[in-house]
Amino acid sequence: MTDASTTGGGTGDLARLTALIREFSDERDWGQFHDPKSLVLALVGEVGELAELVQWLPAGDAVAHFADPDRRRRAGEEIADVLVYLLRLADVLGVDVLAATLDKQAEARRRFPTDDVRGVAPRRE
């Protein structure tokens, strides 16, 4: 078993969550099904379920739509499913999600200086 402090989550709550997800999988002997390709496909499926919740909503109405507690709970369930598969994938690949995210944010701050992009959607070049 991999040390949760070095893969999947880094430190703190994210590492504990990763360890809980790994433990859940290990207790059920599901690791045999958790190859990267299968986890990515499961993740995409869960993102699709989340997308279904907003698919036909006008963009300007989405926040108000999820002010309803039942709708917010439903969105939370799908977001949790996405996070579970994402953390499981990171754990299997040995990716420290916290470190990777911090690195990515630092790069984004460099690429998109506030004074240059405030109020402007970023473009892919």
N, C-alpha and C. Protein backbone atom coordinates (compact mmCIF):
# COMPACT_ATOMS: atom_id res chain seq x y z
N MET A 1 0.84 -1.17 0.00
CA MET A 1 0.00 0.00 0.00
C MET A 1 0.89 1.24 0.00
N THR A 2 0.47 2.26 -0.76
CA THR A 2 1.25 3.49 -0.89
C THR A 2 0.95 4.42 0.27
N ASP A 3 1.93 5.17 0.72
CA ASP A 3 1.76 6.14 1.79
C ASP A 3 0.92 7.32 1.29
N ALA A 4 -0.19 7.59 1.96
CA ALA A 4 -1.11 8.66 1.53
C ALA A 4 -0.47 10.04 1.60
N SER A 5 0.59 10.19 2.37
CA SER A 5 1.20 11.51 2.46
C SER A 5 2.08 11.83 1.26
N THR A 6 2.38 10.83 0.44
CA THR A 6 3.25 11.09 -0.70
C THR A 6 2.56 10.97 -2.04
N THR A 7 1.35 10.42 -2.06
CA THR A 7 0.64 10.33 -3.34
C THR A 7 -0.82 10.68 -3.15
N GLY A 8 -1.40 11.18 -4.22
CA GLY A 8 -2.83 11.39 -4.24
C GLY A 8 -3.30 12.64 -3.58
N GLY A 9 -2.70 13.08 -2.48
CA GLY A 9 -3.27 14.22 -1.83
C GLY A 9 -2.30 15.12 -1.13
N GLY A 10 -1.06 14.70 -0.96
CA GLY A 10 -0.15 15.59 -0.27
C GLY A 10 -0.30 15.47 1.22
N THR A 11 -0.88 16.50 1.84
CA THR A 11 -0.99 16.50 3.29
C THR A 11 -2.42 16.80 3.71
N GLY A 12 -2.69 16.59 4.98
CA GLY A 12 -3.95 17.02 5.57
C GLY A 12 -5.16 16.27 5.08
N ASP A 13 -6.25 17.02 4.95
CA ASP A 13 -7.54 16.44 4.63
C ASP A 13 -7.54 15.69 3.29
N LEU A 14 -6.85 16.23 2.32
CA LEU A 14 -6.82 15.59 1.01
C LEU A 14 -6.14 14.22 1.09
N ALA A 15 -5.08 14.12 1.85
CA ALA A 15 -4.40 12.83 2.04
C ALA A 15 -5.28 11.86 2.79
N ARG A 16 -6.00 12.34 3.80
CA ARG A 16 -6.91 11.46 4.55
C ARG A 16 -8.03 10.96 3.65
N LEU A 17 -8.57 11.84 2.83
CA LEU A 17 -9.63 11.44 1.91
C LEU A 17 -9.11 10.41 0.91
N THR A 18 -7.93 10.64 0.37
CA THR A 18 -7.32 9.68 -0.56
C THR A 18 -7.14 8.33 0.12
N ALA A 19 -6.67 8.34 1.35
CA ALA A 19 -6.47 7.09 2.09
C ALA A 19 -7.80 6.37 2.33
N LEU A 20 -8.85 7.11 2.65
CA LEU A 20 -10.17 6.49 2.84
C LEU A 20 -10.68 5.85 1.56
N ILE A 21 -10.48 6.53 0.44
CA ILE A 21 -10.92 6.01 -0.86
C ILE A 21 -10.12 4.75 -1.20
N ARG A 22 -8.81 4.78 -0.96
CA ARG A 22 -7.96 3.62 -1.22
C ARG A 22 -8.40 2.45 -0.34
N GLU A 23 -8.64 2.73 0.94
CA GLU A 23 -9.06 1.69 1.88
C GLU A 23 -10.38 1.06 1.43
N PHE A 24 -11.33 1.89 1.02
CA PHE A 24 -12.63 1.40 0.53
C PHE A 24 -12.41 0.44 -0.65
N SER A 25 -11.56 0.84 -1.57
CA SER A 25 -11.26 0.01 -2.74
C SER A 25 -10.57 -1.28 -2.32
N ASP A 26 -9.56 -1.17 -1.46
CA ASP A 26 -8.81 -2.34 -1.02
C ASP A 26 -9.69 -3.35 -0.29
N GLU A 27 -10.59 -2.87 0.57
CA GLU A 27 -11.47 -3.76 1.32
C GLU A 27 -12.36 -4.59 0.39
N ARG A 28 -12.65 -4.08 -0.77
CA ARG A 28 -13.53 -4.75 -1.73
C ARG A 28 -12.76 -5.45 -2.85
N ASP A 29 -11.44 -5.38 -2.77
CA ASP A 29 -10.57 -5.95 -3.81
C ASP A 29 -10.90 -5.37 -5.19
N TRP A 30 -11.15 -4.07 -5.22
CA TRP A 30 -11.48 -3.39 -6.47
C TRP A 30 -10.26 -2.81 -7.17
N GLY A 31 -9.10 -2.89 -6.52
CA GLY A 31 -7.89 -2.38 -7.15
C GLY A 31 -7.64 -3.01 -8.51
N GLN A 32 -8.05 -4.26 -8.65
CA GLN A 32 -7.87 -4.96 -9.92
C GLN A 32 -8.63 -4.29 -11.06
N PHE A 33 -9.64 -3.49 -10.74
CA PHE A 33 -10.43 -2.79 -11.76
C PHE A 33 -10.01 -1.33 -11.91
N HIS A 34 -9.11 -0.90 -11.05
CA HIS A 34 -8.76 0.52 -11.01
C HIS A 34 -7.47 0.83 -11.76
N ASP A 35 -7.41 0.36 -13.00
CA ASP A 35 -6.30 0.76 -13.87
C ASP A 35 -6.60 2.19 -14.35
N PRO A 36 -5.58 2.93 -14.78
CA PRO A 36 -5.79 4.32 -15.17
C PRO A 36 -6.88 4.51 -16.23
N LYS A 37 -6.91 3.67 -17.25
CA LYS A 37 -7.92 3.83 -18.30
C LYS A 37 -9.33 3.69 -17.73
N SER A 38 -9.56 2.68 -16.92
CA SER A 38 -10.88 2.47 -16.34
C SER A 38 -11.28 3.61 -15.42
N LEU A 39 -10.33 4.11 -14.65
CA LEU A 39 -10.62 5.23 -13.75
C LEU A 39 -10.94 6.50 -14.53
N VAL A 40 -10.21 6.75 -15.61
CA VAL A 40 -10.51 7.92 -16.44
C VAL A 40 -11.91 7.80 -17.03
N LEU A 41 -12.26 6.63 -17.52
CA LEU A 41 -13.59 6.45 -18.10
C LEU A 41 -14.68 6.62 -17.04
N ALA A 42 -14.45 6.11 -15.84
CA ALA A 42 -15.41 6.31 -14.75
C ALA A 42 -15.53 7.79 -14.40
N LEU A 43 -14.39 8.48 -14.39
CA LEU A 43 -14.38 9.91 -14.10
C LEU A 43 -15.17 10.68 -15.14
N VAL A 44 -14.96 10.36 -16.40
CA VAL A 44 -15.69 11.02 -17.49
C VAL A 44 -17.19 10.76 -17.34
N GLY A 45 -17.56 9.55 -16.98
CA GLY A 45 -18.97 9.23 -16.77
C GLY A 45 -19.58 10.07 -15.67
N GLU A 46 -18.84 10.25 -14.58
CA GLU A 46 -19.35 11.06 -13.47
C GLU A 46 -19.42 12.54 -13.84
N VAL A 47 -18.46 13.01 -14.60
CA VAL A 47 -18.53 14.40 -15.08
C VAL A 47 -19.76 14.57 -15.97
N GLY A 48 -20.06 13.55 -16.77
CA GLY A 48 -21.26 13.59 -17.60
C GLY A 48 -22.53 13.68 -16.76
N GLU A 49 -22.58 12.94 -15.66
CA GLU A 49 -23.75 13.01 -14.78
C GLU A 49 -23.87 14.40 -14.16
N LEU A 50 -22.75 15.01 -13.80
CA LEU A 50 -22.77 16.37 -13.28
C LEU A 50 -23.24 17.34 -14.36
N ALA A 51 -22.74 17.15 -15.58
CA ALA A 51 -23.13 18.02 -16.69
C ALA A 51 -24.63 17.94 -16.96
N GLU A 52 -25.21 16.77 -16.79
CA GLU A 52 -26.65 16.62 -17.01
C GLU A 52 -27.47 17.54 -16.11
N LEU A 53 -26.95 17.82 -14.94
CA LEU A 53 -27.69 18.67 -13.99
C LEU A 53 -27.78 20.12 -14.47
N VAL A 54 -26.88 20.53 -15.34
CA VAL A 54 -26.88 21.93 -15.81
C VAL A 54 -27.12 22.04 -17.32
N GLN A 55 -27.24 20.91 -17.98
CA GLN A 55 -27.26 20.86 -19.44
C GLN A 55 -28.22 21.85 -20.07
N TRP A 56 -29.43 21.95 -19.62
CA TRP A 56 -30.42 22.79 -20.29
C TRP A 56 -30.74 24.06 -19.52
N LEU A 57 -29.96 24.36 -18.51
CA LEU A 57 -30.17 25.59 -17.75
C LEU A 57 -29.52 26.77 -18.47
N PRO A 58 -30.22 27.89 -18.56
CA PRO A 58 -29.52 29.09 -19.05
C PRO A 58 -28.38 29.41 -18.08
N ALA A 59 -27.23 29.77 -18.60
CA ALA A 59 -26.04 30.00 -17.76
C ALA A 59 -26.32 30.96 -16.61
N GLY A 60 -27.09 31.99 -16.88
CA GLY A 60 -27.37 32.98 -15.84
C GLY A 60 -28.28 32.49 -14.73
N ASP A 61 -28.94 31.34 -14.94
CA ASP A 61 -29.87 30.81 -13.94
C ASP A 61 -29.28 29.69 -13.08
N ALA A 62 -28.10 29.24 -13.42
CA ALA A 62 -27.55 28.04 -12.77
C ALA A 62 -27.34 28.21 -11.27
N VAL A 63 -26.78 29.32 -10.85
CA VAL A 63 -26.51 29.50 -9.41
C VAL A 63 -27.83 29.51 -8.64
N ALA A 64 -28.81 30.24 -9.14
CA ALA A 64 -30.11 30.30 -8.46
C ALA A 64 -30.78 28.92 -8.44
N HIS A 65 -30.63 28.17 -9.52
CA HIS A 65 -31.21 26.83 -9.62
C HIS A 65 -30.71 25.95 -8.47
N PHE A 66 -29.44 26.05 -8.14
CA PHE A 66 -28.86 25.21 -7.11
C PHE A 66 -28.96 25.80 -5.71
N ALA A 67 -29.68 26.90 -5.58
CA ALA A 67 -29.98 27.43 -4.25
C ALA A 67 -30.99 26.52 -3.55
N ASP A 68 -31.77 25.78 -4.33
CA ASP A 68 -32.70 24.81 -3.78
C ASP A 68 -31.90 23.69 -3.09
N PRO A 69 -32.19 23.39 -1.82
CA PRO A 69 -31.39 22.41 -1.08
C PRO A 69 -31.32 21.03 -1.74
N ASP A 70 -32.41 20.55 -2.31
CA ASP A 70 -32.38 19.23 -2.95
C ASP A 70 -31.50 19.24 -4.20
N ARG A 71 -31.57 20.30 -4.97
CA ARG A 71 -30.73 20.39 -6.16
C ARG A 71 -29.26 20.54 -5.77
N ARG A 72 -29.00 21.33 -4.73
CA ARG A 72 -27.62 21.50 -4.26
C ARG A 72 -27.07 20.18 -3.74
N ARG A 73 -27.90 19.42 -3.01
CA ARG A 73 -27.48 18.11 -2.50
C ARG A 73 -27.14 17.19 -3.68
N ARG A 74 -27.99 17.19 -4.70
CA ARG A 74 -27.76 16.34 -5.88
C ARG A 74 -26.47 16.72 -6.59
N ALA A 75 -26.24 18.03 -6.74
CA ALA A 75 -24.98 18.49 -7.35
C ALA A 75 -23.80 18.05 -6.49
N GLY A 76 -23.94 18.15 -5.18
CA GLY A 76 -22.87 17.73 -4.27
C GLY A 76 -22.54 16.26 -4.42
N GLU A 77 -23.56 15.44 -4.61
CA GLU A 77 -23.33 14.00 -4.80
C GLU A 77 -22.50 13.75 -6.05
N GLU A 78 -22.84 14.43 -7.13
CA GLU A 78 -22.10 14.22 -8.38
C GLU A 78 -20.68 14.79 -8.30
N ILE A 79 -20.54 15.94 -7.66
CA ILE A 79 -19.21 16.53 -7.46
C ILE A 79 -18.35 15.59 -6.62
N ALA A 80 -18.95 14.98 -5.59
CA ALA A 80 -18.22 14.03 -4.75
C ALA A 80 -17.78 12.82 -5.57
N ASP A 81 -18.66 12.31 -6.44
CA ASP A 81 -18.29 11.18 -7.28
C ASP A 81 -17.10 11.53 -8.18
N VAL A 82 -17.12 12.73 -8.75
CA VAL A 82 -16.01 13.18 -9.59
C VAL A 82 -14.72 13.22 -8.77
N LEU A 83 -14.80 13.79 -7.58
CA LEU A 83 -13.61 13.90 -6.74
C LEU A 83 -13.08 12.52 -6.35
N VAL A 84 -13.96 11.60 -6.02
CA VAL A 84 -13.52 10.25 -5.64
C VAL A 84 -12.72 9.61 -6.77
N TYR A 85 -13.25 9.64 -7.98
CA TYR A 85 -12.53 9.01 -9.09
C TYR A 85 -11.25 9.78 -9.43
N LEU A 86 -11.27 11.09 -9.31
CA LEU A 86 -10.07 11.87 -9.58
C LEU A 86 -8.97 11.55 -8.57
N LEU A 87 -9.33 11.49 -7.30
CA LEU A 87 -8.33 11.17 -6.28
C LEU A 87 -7.84 9.73 -6.41
N ARG A 88 -8.74 8.82 -6.77
CA ARG A 88 -8.32 7.42 -6.95
C ARG A 88 -7.34 7.31 -8.11
N LEU A 89 -7.64 8.02 -9.21
CA LEU A 89 -6.73 8.02 -10.36
C LEU A 89 -5.36 8.58 -9.96
N ALA A 90 -5.36 9.70 -9.26
CA ALA A 90 -4.10 10.30 -8.83
C ALA A 90 -3.32 9.33 -7.94
N ASP A 91 -4.03 8.65 -7.05
CA ASP A 91 -3.39 7.70 -6.15
C ASP A 91 -2.75 6.56 -6.93
N VAL A 92 -3.48 6.00 -7.88
CA VAL A 92 -2.95 4.90 -8.69
C VAL A 92 -1.74 5.34 -9.51
N LEU A 93 -1.78 6.57 -10.02
CA LEU A 93 -0.66 7.07 -10.83
C LEU A 93 0.49 7.64 -9.99
N GLY A 94 0.28 7.77 -8.69
CA GLY A 94 1.32 8.33 -7.84
C GLY A 94 1.47 9.84 -7.98
N VAL A 95 0.38 10.50 -8.32
CA VAL A 95 0.40 11.96 -8.48
C VAL A 95 -0.03 12.61 -7.17
N ASP A 96 0.76 13.54 -6.68
CA ASP A 96 0.42 14.33 -5.51
C ASP A 96 -0.49 15.47 -5.98
N VAL A 97 -1.79 15.31 -5.77
CA VAL A 97 -2.77 16.26 -6.28
C VAL A 97 -2.54 17.66 -5.73
N LEU A 98 -2.25 17.76 -4.46
CA LEU A 98 -2.04 19.07 -3.86
C LEU A 98 -0.83 19.77 -4.48
N ALA A 99 0.28 19.08 -4.60
CA ALA A 99 1.48 19.68 -5.19
C ALA A 99 1.25 20.04 -6.65
N ALA A 100 0.61 19.14 -7.40
CA ALA A 100 0.35 19.41 -8.82
C ALA A 100 -0.56 20.62 -8.98
N THR A 101 -1.55 20.74 -8.12
CA THR A 101 -2.49 21.87 -8.20
C THR A 101 -1.79 23.18 -7.83
N LEU A 102 -0.98 23.15 -6.81
CA LEU A 102 -0.24 24.35 -6.42
C LEU A 102 0.71 24.78 -7.54
N ASP A 103 1.38 23.82 -8.15
CA ASP A 103 2.27 24.12 -9.28
C ASP A 103 1.49 24.72 -10.44
N LYS A 104 0.34 24.14 -10.73
CA LYS A 104 -0.50 24.61 -11.84
C LYS A 104 -1.00 26.03 -11.58
N GLN A 105 -1.39 26.31 -10.34
CA GLN A 105 -1.85 27.65 -9.99
C GLN A 105 -0.72 28.67 -10.10
N ALA A 106 0.46 28.30 -9.68
CA ALA A 106 1.61 29.20 -9.81
C ALA A 106 1.88 29.51 -11.28
N GLU A 107 1.80 28.50 -12.13
CA GLU A 107 2.00 28.68 -13.56
C GLU A 107 0.90 29.58 -14.15
N ALA A 108 -0.35 29.37 -13.73
CA ALA A 108 -1.46 30.20 -14.22
C ALA A 108 -1.28 31.66 -13.80
N ARG A 109 -0.80 31.88 -12.60
CA ARG A 109 -0.55 33.26 -12.15
C ARG A 109 0.53 33.92 -13.01
N ARG A 110 1.52 33.14 -13.41
CA ARG A 110 2.58 33.67 -14.26
C ARG A 110 2.05 33.96 -15.67
N ARG A 111 1.28 33.03 -16.20
CA ARG A 111 0.77 33.17 -17.57
C ARG A 111 -0.31 34.23 -17.71
N PHE A 112 -1.06 34.45 -16.66
CA PHE A 112 -2.20 35.37 -16.73
C PHE A 112 -2.09 36.45 -15.65
N PRO A 113 -1.18 37.41 -15.84
CA PRO A 113 -1.03 38.48 -14.85
C PRO A 113 -2.35 39.26 -14.71
N THR A 114 -2.72 39.55 -13.49
CA THR A 114 -3.99 40.21 -13.20
C THR A 114 -4.22 41.44 -14.06
N ASP A 115 -3.24 42.31 -14.16
CA ASP A 115 -3.40 43.56 -14.90
C ASP A 115 -3.63 43.34 -16.39
N ASP A 116 -3.19 42.19 -16.91
CA ASP A 116 -3.33 41.91 -18.34
C ASP A 116 -4.65 41.23 -18.70
N VAL A 117 -5.25 40.54 -17.75
CA VAL A 117 -6.40 39.71 -18.11
C VAL A 117 -7.68 39.97 -17.30
N ARG A 118 -7.66 40.94 -16.44
CA ARG A 118 -8.85 41.19 -15.60
C ARG A 118 -10.08 41.38 -16.49
N GLY A 119 -11.10 40.55 -16.29
CA GLY A 119 -12.35 40.65 -17.02
C GLY A 119 -12.31 40.11 -18.44
N VAL A 120 -11.19 39.47 -18.82
CA VAL A 120 -11.04 38.95 -20.17
C VAL A 120 -10.89 37.44 -20.10
N ALA A 121 -11.73 36.72 -20.85
CA ALA A 121 -11.63 35.25 -20.84
C ALA A 121 -10.31 34.84 -21.46
N PRO A 122 -9.60 33.88 -20.85
CA PRO A 122 -8.33 33.42 -21.42
C PRO A 122 -8.55 32.70 -22.74
N ARG A 123 -7.59 32.86 -23.63
CA ARG A 123 -7.64 32.19 -24.93
C ARG A 123 -6.52 31.18 -25.04
N ARG A 124 -6.81 30.11 -25.71
CA ARG A 124 -5.82 29.07 -25.96
C ARG A 124 -5.03 29.46 -27.20
N GLU A 125 -3.72 29.42 -27.11
CA GLU A 125 -2.89 29.79 -28.26
C GLU A 125 -2.10 28.62 -28.77
